[in-house]
């Protein structure tokens, strides 16, 4: 993996896709169009230099890198959300 810190919005879209098992559902959850969600995940993969998702017709599965990144991204996003709430008193949803 490259040492570039990924875009937080791209991380949120990827985590939503991993959680729901669907890029379309992730797009809905993140209030994006399906093409924008796909583009976010593709850009994340490009920035990280690894394939996170194996795409098949209407479904996908996570690669080993995708599974590892999902765990790390969830932890990072929880930390960032906690820091935002503790400093501003509000959520960013």
PDB file of N, CA and C in Angstrom:
ATOM      1  N   UNK A   1       0.838  -1.186   0.000  1.00  0.00           N
ATOM      2  CA  UNK A   1       0.000   0.000   0.000  1.00  0.00           C
ATOM      3  C   UNK A   1       0.882   1.248   0.000  1.00  0.00           C
ATOM      4  N   UNK A   2       0.402   2.280  -0.623  1.00  0.00           N
ATOM      5  CA  UNK A   2       1.100   3.562  -0.593  1.00  0.00           C
ATOM      6  C   UNK A   2       0.827   4.242   0.736  1.00  0.00           C
ATOM      7  N   UNK A   3       1.629   5.252   1.064  1.00  0.00           N
ATOM      8  CA  UNK A   3       1.481   5.910   2.364  1.00  0.00           C
ATOM      9  C   UNK A   3       0.652   7.190   2.297  1.00  0.00           C
ATOM     10  N   UNK A   4      -0.222   7.320   1.317  1.00  0.00           N
ATOM     11  CA  UNK A   4      -1.091   8.487   1.180  1.00  0.00           C
ATOM     12  C   UNK A   4      -2.324   8.276   2.047  1.00  0.00           C
ATOM     13  N   UNK A   5      -2.668   9.284   2.872  1.00  0.00           N
ATOM     14  CA  UNK A   5      -3.868   9.160   3.692  1.00  0.00           C
ATOM     15  C   UNK A   5      -5.084   9.315   2.792  1.00  0.00           C
ATOM     16  N   UNK A   6      -6.008   8.374   2.854  1.00  0.00           N
ATOM     17  CA  UNK A   6      -7.169   8.406   1.954  1.00  0.00           C
ATOM     18  C   UNK A   6      -8.165   9.518   2.296  1.00  0.00           C
ATOM     19  N   UNK A   7      -8.932   9.897   1.301  1.00  0.00           N
ATOM     20  CA  UNK A   7      -9.997  10.875   1.446  1.00  0.00           C
ATOM     21  C   UNK A   7     -11.065  10.313   2.390  1.00  0.00           C
ATOM     22  N   UNK A   8     -11.477  11.104   3.362  1.00  0.00           N
ATOM     23  CA  UNK A   8     -12.433  10.636   4.369  1.00  0.00           C
ATOM     24  C   UNK A   8     -13.788  10.302   3.741  1.00  0.00           C
ATOM     25  N   UNK A   9     -14.225  11.101   2.789  1.00  0.00           N
ATOM     26  CA  UNK A   9     -15.509  10.817   2.123  1.00  0.00           C
ATOM     27  C   UNK A   9     -15.437   9.482   1.387  1.00  0.00           C
ATOM     28  N   UNK A  10     -14.317   9.234   0.734  1.00  0.00           N
ATOM     29  CA  UNK A  10     -14.135   7.959   0.033  1.00  0.00           C
ATOM     30  C   UNK A  10     -14.147   6.797   1.022  1.00  0.00           C
ATOM     31  N   UNK A  11     -13.530   7.004   2.180  1.00  0.00           N
ATOM     32  CA  UNK A  11     -13.534   5.968   3.213  1.00  0.00           C
ATOM     33  C   UNK A  11     -14.959   5.680   3.676  1.00  0.00           C
ATOM     34  N   UNK A  12     -15.749   6.728   3.888  1.00  0.00           N
ATOM     35  CA  UNK A  12     -17.135   6.547   4.339  1.00  0.00           C
ATOM     36  C   UNK A  12     -17.958   5.768   3.306  1.00  0.00           C
ATOM     37  N   UNK A  13     -17.756   6.072   2.038  1.00  0.00           N
ATOM     38  CA  UNK A  13     -18.483   5.360   0.982  1.00  0.00           C
ATOM     39  C   UNK A  13     -18.065   3.892   0.961  1.00  0.00           C
ATOM     40  N   UNK A  14     -16.765   3.638   1.060  1.00  0.00           N
ATOM     41  CA  UNK A  14     -16.288   2.253   1.063  1.00  0.00           C
ATOM     42  C   UNK A  14     -16.848   1.485   2.256  1.00  0.00           C
ATOM     43  N   UNK A  15     -16.795   2.076   3.444  1.00  0.00           N
ATOM     44  CA  UNK A  15     -17.310   1.396   4.641  1.00  0.00           C
ATOM     45  C   UNK A  15     -18.808   1.125   4.491  1.00  0.00           C
ATOM     46  N   UNK A  16     -19.542   2.078   3.948  1.00  0.00           N
ATOM     47  CA  UNK A  16     -20.982   1.871   3.728  1.00  0.00           C
ATOM     48  C   UNK A  16     -21.215   0.733   2.738  1.00  0.00           C
ATOM     49  N   UNK A  17     -20.416   0.667   1.694  1.00  0.00           N
ATOM     50  CA  UNK A  17     -20.552  -0.418   0.720  1.00  0.00           C
ATOM     51  C   UNK A  17     -20.220  -1.760   1.357  1.00  0.00           C
ATOM     52  N   UNK A  18     -19.165  -1.796   2.146  1.00  0.00           N
ATOM     53  CA  UNK A  18     -18.783  -3.040   2.818  1.00  0.00           C
ATOM     54  C   UNK A  18     -19.862  -3.470   3.810  1.00  0.00           C
ATOM     55  N   UNK A  19     -20.448  -2.512   4.515  1.00  0.00           N
ATOM     56  CA  UNK A  19     -21.500  -2.815   5.497  1.00  0.00           C
ATOM     57  C   UNK A  19     -22.780  -3.326   4.837  1.00  0.00           C
ATOM     58  N   UNK A  20     -23.150  -2.717   3.721  1.00  0.00           N
ATOM     59  CA  UNK A  20     -24.418  -3.048   3.071  1.00  0.00           C
ATOM     60  C   UNK A  20     -24.280  -4.136   2.012  1.00  0.00           C
ATOM     61  N   UNK A  21     -23.059  -4.348   1.535  1.00  0.00           N
ATOM     62  CA  UNK A  21     -22.846  -5.321   0.468  1.00  0.00           C
ATOM     63  C   UNK A  21     -23.263  -4.817  -0.898  1.00  0.00           C
ATOM     64  N   UNK A  22     -23.420  -3.490  -1.011  1.00  0.00           N
ATOM     65  CA  UNK A  22     -23.921  -2.920  -2.262  1.00  0.00           C
ATOM     66  C   UNK A  22     -23.421  -1.492  -2.427  1.00  0.00           C
ATOM     67  N   UNK A  23     -22.897  -1.192  -3.610  1.00  0.00           N
ATOM     68  CA  UNK A  23     -22.488   0.181  -3.894  1.00  0.00           C
ATOM     69  C   UNK A  23     -23.717   1.076  -4.007  1.00  0.00           C
ATOM     70  N   UNK A  24     -24.800   0.563  -4.561  1.00  0.00           N
ATOM     71  CA  UNK A  24     -26.038   1.353  -4.670  1.00  0.00           C
ATOM     72  C   UNK A  24     -26.579   1.720  -3.295  1.00  0.00           C
ATOM     73  N   UNK A  25     -26.587   0.763  -2.376  1.00  0.00           N
ATOM     74  CA  UNK A  25     -27.049   1.043  -1.012  1.00  0.00           C
ATOM     75  C   UNK A  25     -26.106   2.013  -0.315  1.00  0.00           C
ATOM     76  N   UNK A  26     -24.813   1.883  -0.577  1.00  0.00           N
ATOM     77  CA  UNK A  26     -23.841   2.821  -0.003  1.00  0.00           C
ATOM     78  C   UNK A  26     -24.088   4.226  -0.540  1.00  0.00           C
ATOM     79  N   UNK A  27     -24.390   4.324  -1.828  1.00  0.00           N
ATOM     80  CA  UNK A  27     -24.687   5.625  -2.428  1.00  0.00           C
ATOM     81  C   UNK A  27     -25.893   6.257  -1.747  1.00  0.00           C
ATOM     82  N   UNK A  28     -26.939   5.472  -1.532  1.00  0.00           N
ATOM     83  CA  UNK A  28     -28.124   5.982  -0.841  1.00  0.00           C
ATOM     84  C   UNK A  28     -27.774   6.439   0.570  1.00  0.00           C
ATOM     85  N   UNK A  29     -27.028   5.622   1.294  1.00  0.00           N
ATOM     86  CA  UNK A  29     -26.657   5.943   2.673  1.00  0.00           C
ATOM     87  C   UNK A  29     -25.824   7.225   2.748  1.00  0.00           C
ATOM     88  N   UNK A  30     -24.980   7.428   1.739  1.00  0.00           N
ATOM     89  CA  UNK A  30     -24.081   8.588   1.735  1.00  0.00           C
ATOM     90  C   UNK A  30     -24.642   9.770   0.948  1.00  0.00           C
ATOM     91  N   UNK A  31     -25.879   9.647   0.481  1.00  0.00           N
ATOM     92  CA  UNK A  31     -26.552  10.715  -0.271  1.00  0.00           C
ATOM     93  C   UNK A  31     -25.771  11.094  -1.531  1.00  0.00           C
ATOM     94  N   UNK A  32     -25.364  10.059  -2.271  1.00  0.00           N
ATOM     95  CA  UNK A  32     -24.639  10.241  -3.524  1.00  0.00           C
ATOM     96  C   UNK A  32     -25.354   9.474  -4.627  1.00  0.00           C
ATOM     97  N   UNK A  33     -25.024   9.803  -5.856  1.00  0.00           N
ATOM     98  CA  UNK A  33     -25.488   8.970  -6.968  1.00  0.00           C
ATOM     99  C   UNK A  33     -24.649   7.695  -6.980  1.00  0.00           C
ATOM    100  N   UNK A  34     -25.165   6.656  -7.618  1.00  0.00           N
ATOM    101  CA  UNK A  34     -24.416   5.400  -7.699  1.00  0.00           C
ATOM    102  C   UNK A  34     -23.096   5.594  -8.450  1.00  0.00           C
ATOM    103  N   UNK A  35     -23.070   6.340  -9.570  1.00  0.00           N
ATOM    104  CA  UNK A  35     -21.786   6.556 -10.241  1.00  0.00           C
ATOM    105  C   UNK A  35     -20.771   7.310  -9.366  1.00  0.00           C
ATOM    106  N   UNK A  36     -21.246   8.254  -8.559  1.00  0.00           N
ATOM    107  CA  UNK A  36     -20.337   8.987  -7.670  1.00  0.00           C
ATOM    108  C   UNK A  36     -19.762   8.068  -6.598  1.00  0.00           C
ATOM    109  N   UNK A  37     -20.580   7.159  -6.084  1.00  0.00           N
ATOM    110  CA  UNK A  37     -20.096   6.202  -5.084  1.00  0.00           C
ATOM    111  C   UNK A  37     -19.071   5.257  -5.701  1.00  0.00           C
ATOM    112  N   UNK A  38     -19.359   4.777  -6.898  1.00  0.00           N
ATOM    113  CA  UNK A  38     -18.410   3.906  -7.602  1.00  0.00           C
ATOM    114  C   UNK A  38     -17.096   4.631  -7.841  1.00  0.00           C
ATOM    115  N   UNK A  39     -17.186   5.878  -8.259  1.00  0.00           N
ATOM    116  CA  UNK A  39     -15.990   6.677  -8.514  1.00  0.00           C
ATOM    117  C   UNK A  39     -15.188   6.887  -7.231  1.00  0.00           C
ATOM    118  N   UNK A  40     -15.861   7.114  -6.115  1.00  0.00           N
ATOM    119  CA  UNK A  40     -15.171   7.303  -4.836  1.00  0.00           C
ATOM    120  C   UNK A  40     -14.388   6.053  -4.447  1.00  0.00           C
ATOM    121  N   UNK A  41     -15.004   4.894  -4.614  1.00  0.00           N
ATOM    122  CA  UNK A  41     -14.325   3.641  -4.267  1.00  0.00           C
ATOM    123  C   UNK A  41     -13.163   3.382  -5.224  1.00  0.00           C
ATOM    124  N   UNK A  42     -13.373   3.639  -6.503  1.00  0.00           N
ATOM    125  CA  UNK A  42     -12.309   3.456  -7.493  1.00  0.00           C
ATOM    126  C   UNK A  42     -11.131   4.372  -7.189  1.00  0.00           C
ATOM    127  N   UNK A  43     -11.413   5.622  -6.830  1.00  0.00           N
ATOM    128  CA  UNK A  43     -10.347   6.572  -6.498  1.00  0.00           C
ATOM    129  C   UNK A  43      -9.616   6.139  -5.231  1.00  0.00           C
ATOM    130  N   UNK A  44     -10.350   5.636  -4.252  1.00  0.00           N
ATOM    131  CA  UNK A  44      -9.740   5.132  -3.019  1.00  0.00           C
ATOM    132  C   UNK A  44      -8.782   3.990  -3.345  1.00  0.00           C
ATOM    133  N   UNK A  45      -9.228   3.054  -4.175  1.00  0.00           N
ATOM    134  CA  UNK A  45      -8.366   1.940  -4.579  1.00  0.00           C
ATOM    135  C   UNK A  45      -7.112   2.450  -5.291  1.00  0.00           C
ATOM    136  N   UNK A  46      -7.291   3.432  -6.149  1.00  0.00           N
ATOM    137  CA  UNK A  46      -6.158   4.002  -6.882  1.00  0.00           C
ATOM    138  C   UNK A  46      -5.174   4.659  -5.921  1.00  0.00           C
ATOM    139  N   UNK A  47      -5.689   5.432  -4.973  1.00  0.00           N
ATOM    140  CA  UNK A  47      -4.822   6.116  -4.010  1.00  0.00           C
ATOM    141  C   UNK A  47      -4.076   5.138  -3.110  1.00  0.00           C
ATOM    142  N   UNK A  48      -4.740   4.056  -2.726  1.00  0.00           N
ATOM    143  CA  UNK A  48      -4.115   3.059  -1.862  1.00  0.00           C
ATOM    144  C   UNK A  48      -3.196   2.120  -2.640  1.00  0.00           C
ATOM    145  N   UNK A  49      -3.439   1.995  -3.930  1.00  0.00           N
ATOM    146  CA  UNK A  49      -2.630   1.112  -4.756  1.00  0.00           C
ATOM    147  C   UNK A  49      -2.987  -0.354  -4.614  1.00  0.00           C
ATOM    148  N   UNK A  50      -4.204  -0.640  -4.160  1.00  0.00           N
ATOM    149  CA  UNK A  50      -4.669  -2.021  -4.000  1.00  0.00           C
ATOM    150  C   UNK A  50      -6.120  -2.125  -4.460  1.00  0.00           C
ATOM    151  N   UNK A  51      -6.544  -3.335  -4.767  1.00  0.00           N
ATOM    152  CA  UNK A  51      -7.944  -3.609  -5.080  1.00  0.00           C
ATOM    153  C   UNK A  51      -8.654  -3.963  -3.783  1.00  0.00           C
ATOM    154  N   UNK A  52      -9.712  -3.241  -3.464  1.00  0.00           N
ATOM    155  CA  UNK A  52     -10.477  -3.475  -2.241  1.00  0.00           C
ATOM    156  C   UNK A  52     -11.694  -4.355  -2.489  1.00  0.00           C
ATOM    157  N   UNK A  53     -12.248  -4.255  -3.691  1.00  0.00           N
ATOM    158  CA  UNK A  53     -13.510  -4.919  -4.014  1.00  0.00           C
ATOM    159  C   UNK A  53     -13.361  -5.720  -5.306  1.00  0.00           C
ATOM    160  N   UNK A  54     -13.867  -6.941  -5.289  1.00  0.00           N
ATOM    161  CA  UNK A  54     -13.992  -7.729  -6.515  1.00  0.00           C
ATOM    162  C   UNK A  54     -15.423  -7.528  -6.996  1.00  0.00           C
ATOM    163  N   UNK A  55     -15.555  -6.899  -8.144  1.00  0.00           N
ATOM    164  CA  UNK A  55     -16.872  -6.549  -8.662  1.00  0.00           C
ATOM    165  C   UNK A  55     -17.425  -7.674  -9.536  1.00  0.00           C
ATOM    166  N   UNK A  56     -18.667  -7.992  -9.301  1.00  0.00           N
ATOM    167  CA  UNK A  56     -19.414  -8.949 -10.127  1.00  0.00           C
ATOM    168  C   UNK A  56     -20.759  -8.302 -10.420  1.00  0.00           C
ATOM    169  N   UNK A  57     -21.395  -8.716 -11.445  1.00  0.00           N
ATOM    170  CA  UNK A  57     -22.662  -8.134 -11.910  1.00  0.00           C
ATOM    171  C   UNK A  57     -23.377  -7.255 -10.881  1.00  0.00           C
ATOM    172  N   UNK A  58     -24.199  -7.816 -10.037  1.00  0.00           N
ATOM    173  CA  UNK A  58     -24.988  -7.034  -9.086  1.00  0.00           C
ATOM    174  C   UNK A  58     -24.456  -7.117  -7.660  1.00  0.00           C
ATOM    175  N   UNK A  59     -23.299  -7.724  -7.480  1.00  0.00           N
ATOM    176  CA  UNK A  59     -22.765  -7.858  -6.128  1.00  0.00           C
ATOM    177  C   UNK A  59     -21.250  -7.732  -6.164  1.00  0.00           C
ATOM    178  N   UNK A  60     -20.654  -7.700  -5.017  1.00  0.00           N
ATOM    179  CA  UNK A  60     -19.206  -7.669  -4.943  1.00  0.00           C
ATOM    180  C   UNK A  60     -18.767  -8.373  -3.675  1.00  0.00           C
ATOM    181  N   UNK A  61     -17.487  -8.645  -3.612  1.00  0.00           N
ATOM    182  CA  UNK A  61     -16.917  -9.190  -2.386  1.00  0.00           C
ATOM    183  C   UNK A  61     -15.639  -8.425  -2.088  1.00  0.00           C
ATOM    184  N   UNK A  62     -15.276  -8.393  -0.821  1.00  0.00           N
ATOM    185  CA  UNK A  62     -14.063  -7.696  -0.420  1.00  0.00           C
ATOM    186  C   UNK A  62     -12.851  -8.596  -0.630  1.00  0.00           C
ATOM    187  N   UNK A  63     -11.774  -8.005  -1.102  1.00  0.00           N
ATOM    188  CA  UNK A  63     -10.502  -8.712  -1.158  1.00  0.00           C
ATOM    189  C   UNK A  63      -9.935  -8.757   0.259  1.00  0.00           C
ATOM    190  N   UNK A  64      -8.831  -9.438   0.445  1.00  0.00           N
ATOM    191  CA  UNK A  64      -8.190  -9.443   1.760  1.00  0.00           C
ATOM    192  C   UNK A  64      -7.803  -8.019   2.156  1.00  0.00           C
ATOM    193  N   UNK A  65      -7.341  -7.225   1.181  1.00  0.00           N
ATOM    194  CA  UNK A  65      -7.028  -5.820   1.460  1.00  0.00           C
ATOM    195  C   UNK A  65      -8.291  -5.051   1.840  1.00  0.00           C
ATOM    196  N   UNK A  66      -9.396  -5.371   1.186  1.00  0.00           N
ATOM    197  CA  UNK A  66     -10.667  -4.729   1.504  1.00  0.00           C
ATOM    198  C   UNK A  66     -11.116  -5.029   2.917  1.00  0.00           C
ATOM    199  N   UNK A  67     -10.958  -6.280   3.339  1.00  0.00           N
ATOM    200  CA  UNK A  67     -11.346  -6.664   4.701  1.00  0.00           C
ATOM    201  C   UNK A  67     -10.479  -5.960   5.736  1.00  0.00           C
ATOM    202  N   UNK A  68      -9.180  -5.913   5.485  1.00  0.00           N
ATOM    203  CA  UNK A  68      -8.271  -5.227   6.412  1.00  0.00           C
ATOM    204  C   UNK A  68      -8.580  -3.738   6.442  1.00  0.00           C
ATOM    205  N   UNK A  69      -8.747  -3.145   5.243  1.00  0.00           N
ATOM    206  CA  UNK A  69      -9.008  -1.707   5.183  1.00  0.00           C
ATOM    207  C   UNK A  69     -10.347  -1.356   5.811  1.00  0.00           C
ATOM    208  N   UNK A  70     -11.345  -2.216   5.661  1.00  0.00           N
ATOM    209  CA  UNK A  70     -12.647  -1.964   6.282  1.00  0.00           C
ATOM    210  C   UNK A  70     -12.487  -1.804   7.790  1.00  0.00           C
ATOM    211  N   UNK A  71     -11.772  -2.712   8.422  1.00  0.00           N
ATOM    212  CA  UNK A  71     -11.574  -2.641   9.874  1.00  0.00           C
ATOM    213  C   UNK A  71     -10.845  -1.364  10.269  1.00  0.00           C
ATOM    214  N   UNK A  72      -9.802  -1.034   9.540  1.00  0.00           N
ATOM    215  CA  UNK A  72      -9.012   0.161   9.868  1.00  0.00           C
ATOM    216  C   UNK A  72      -9.779   1.444   9.580  1.00  0.00           C
ATOM    217  N   UNK A  73     -10.524   1.452   8.488  1.00  0.00           N
ATOM    218  CA  UNK A  73     -11.307   2.639   8.139  1.00  0.00           C
ATOM    219  C   UNK A  73     -12.419   2.871   9.153  1.00  0.00           C
ATOM    220  N   UNK A  74     -13.092   1.798   9.582  1.00  0.00           N
ATOM    221  CA  UNK A  74     -14.138   1.942  10.599  1.00  0.00           C
ATOM    222  C   UNK A  74     -13.560   2.524  11.883  1.00  0.00           C
ATOM    223  N   UNK A  75     -12.404   2.036  12.305  1.00  0.00           N
ATOM    224  CA  UNK A  75     -11.772   2.547  13.525  1.00  0.00           C
ATOM    225  C   UNK A  75     -11.380   4.011  13.358  1.00  0.00           C
ATOM    226  N   UNK A  76     -10.811   4.358  12.216  1.00  0.00           N
ATOM    227  CA  UNK A  76     -10.396   5.740  11.972  1.00  0.00           C
ATOM    228  C   UNK A  76     -11.599   6.676  11.939  1.00  0.00           C
ATOM    229  N   UNK A  77     -12.672   6.257  11.274  1.00  0.00           N
ATOM    230  CA  UNK A  77     -13.865   7.099  11.189  1.00  0.00           C
ATOM    231  C   UNK A  77     -14.539   7.253  12.546  1.00  0.00           C
ATOM    232  N   UNK A  78     -14.559   6.198  13.345  1.00  0.00           N
ATOM    233  CA  UNK A  78     -15.111   6.305  14.701  1.00  0.00           C
ATOM    234  C   UNK A  78     -14.300   7.293  15.522  1.00  0.00           C
ATOM    235  N   UNK A  79     -12.986   7.232  15.402  1.00  0.00           N
ATOM    236  CA  UNK A  79     -12.118   8.157  16.128  1.00  0.00           C
ATOM    237  C   UNK A  79     -12.376   9.592  15.677  1.00  0.00           C
ATOM    238  N   UNK A  80     -12.422   9.812  14.368  1.00  0.00           N
ATOM    239  CA  UNK A  80     -12.652  11.162  13.856  1.00  0.00           C
ATOM    240  C   UNK A  80     -14.019  11.690  14.268  1.00  0.00           C
ATOM    241  N   UNK A  81     -15.046  10.849  14.210  1.00  0.00           N
ATOM    242  CA  UNK A  81     -16.381  11.268  14.643  1.00  0.00           C
ATOM    243  C   UNK A  81     -16.383  11.608  16.127  1.00  0.00           C
ATOM    244  N   UNK A  82     -15.702  10.794  16.947  1.00  0.00           N
ATOM    245  CA  UNK A  82     -15.621  11.053  18.385  1.00  0.00           C
ATOM    246  C   UNK A  82     -14.922  12.384  18.646  1.00  0.00           C
ATOM    247  N   UNK A  83     -13.807  12.632  17.973  1.00  0.00           N
ATOM    248  CA  UNK A  83     -13.078  13.887  18.166  1.00  0.00           C
ATOM    249  C   UNK A  83     -13.928  15.072  17.735  1.00  0.00           C
ATOM    250  N   UNK A  84     -14.676  14.927  16.652  1.00  0.00           N
ATOM    251  CA  UNK A  84     -15.529  16.012  16.188  1.00  0.00           C
ATOM    252  C   UNK A  84     -16.618  16.306  17.208  1.00  0.00           C
ATOM    253  N   UNK A  85     -17.251  15.257  17.718  1.00  0.00           N
ATOM    254  CA  UNK A  85     -18.320  15.426  18.708  1.00  0.00           C
ATOM    255  C   UNK A  85     -17.767  16.035  19.985  1.00  0.00           C
ATOM    256  N   UNK A  86     -16.620  15.556  20.439  1.00  0.00           N
ATOM    257  CA  UNK A  86     -16.075  16.040  21.706  1.00  0.00           C
ATOM    258  C   UNK A  86     -15.593  17.480  21.610  1.00  0.00           C
ATOM    259  N   UNK A  87     -15.206  17.947  20.422  1.00  0.00           N
ATOM    260  CA  UNK A  87     -14.747  19.327  20.300  1.00  0.00           C
ATOM    261  C   UNK A  87     -15.845  20.288  19.873  1.00  0.00           C
ATOM    262  N   UNK A  88     -16.860  19.783  19.176  1.00  0.00           N
ATOM    263  CA  UNK A  88     -17.915  20.659  18.662  1.00  0.00           C
ATOM    264  C   UNK A  88     -19.289  20.391  19.250  1.00  0.00           C
ATOM    265  N   UNK A  89     -19.441  19.268  19.907  1.00  0.00           N
ATOM    266  CA  UNK A  89     -20.723  18.950  20.521  1.00  0.00           C
ATOM    267  C   UNK A  89     -21.808  18.549  19.551  1.00  0.00           C
ATOM    268  N   UNK A  90     -21.431  18.179  18.337  1.00  0.00           N
ATOM    269  CA  UNK A  90     -22.431  17.789  17.344  1.00  0.00           C
ATOM    270  C   UNK A  90     -21.879  16.670  16.481  1.00  0.00           C
ATOM    271  N   UNK A  91     -22.773  15.953  15.846  1.00  0.00           N
ATOM    272  CA  UNK A  91     -22.332  14.919  14.913  1.00  0.00           C
ATOM    273  C   UNK A  91     -22.177  15.525  13.531  1.00  0.00           C
ATOM    274  N   UNK A  92     -21.490  14.828  12.667  1.00  0.00           N
ATOM    275  CA  UNK A  92     -21.298  15.332  11.303  1.00  0.00           C
ATOM    276  C   UNK A  92     -22.183  14.619  10.308  1.00  0.00           C
ATOM    277  N   UNK A  93     -23.206  13.910  10.757  1.00  0.00           N
ATOM    278  CA  UNK A  93     -24.100  13.186   9.845  1.00  0.00           C
ATOM    279  C   UNK A  93     -25.092  14.124   9.217  1.00  0.00           C
TER     280      UNK A  93
END
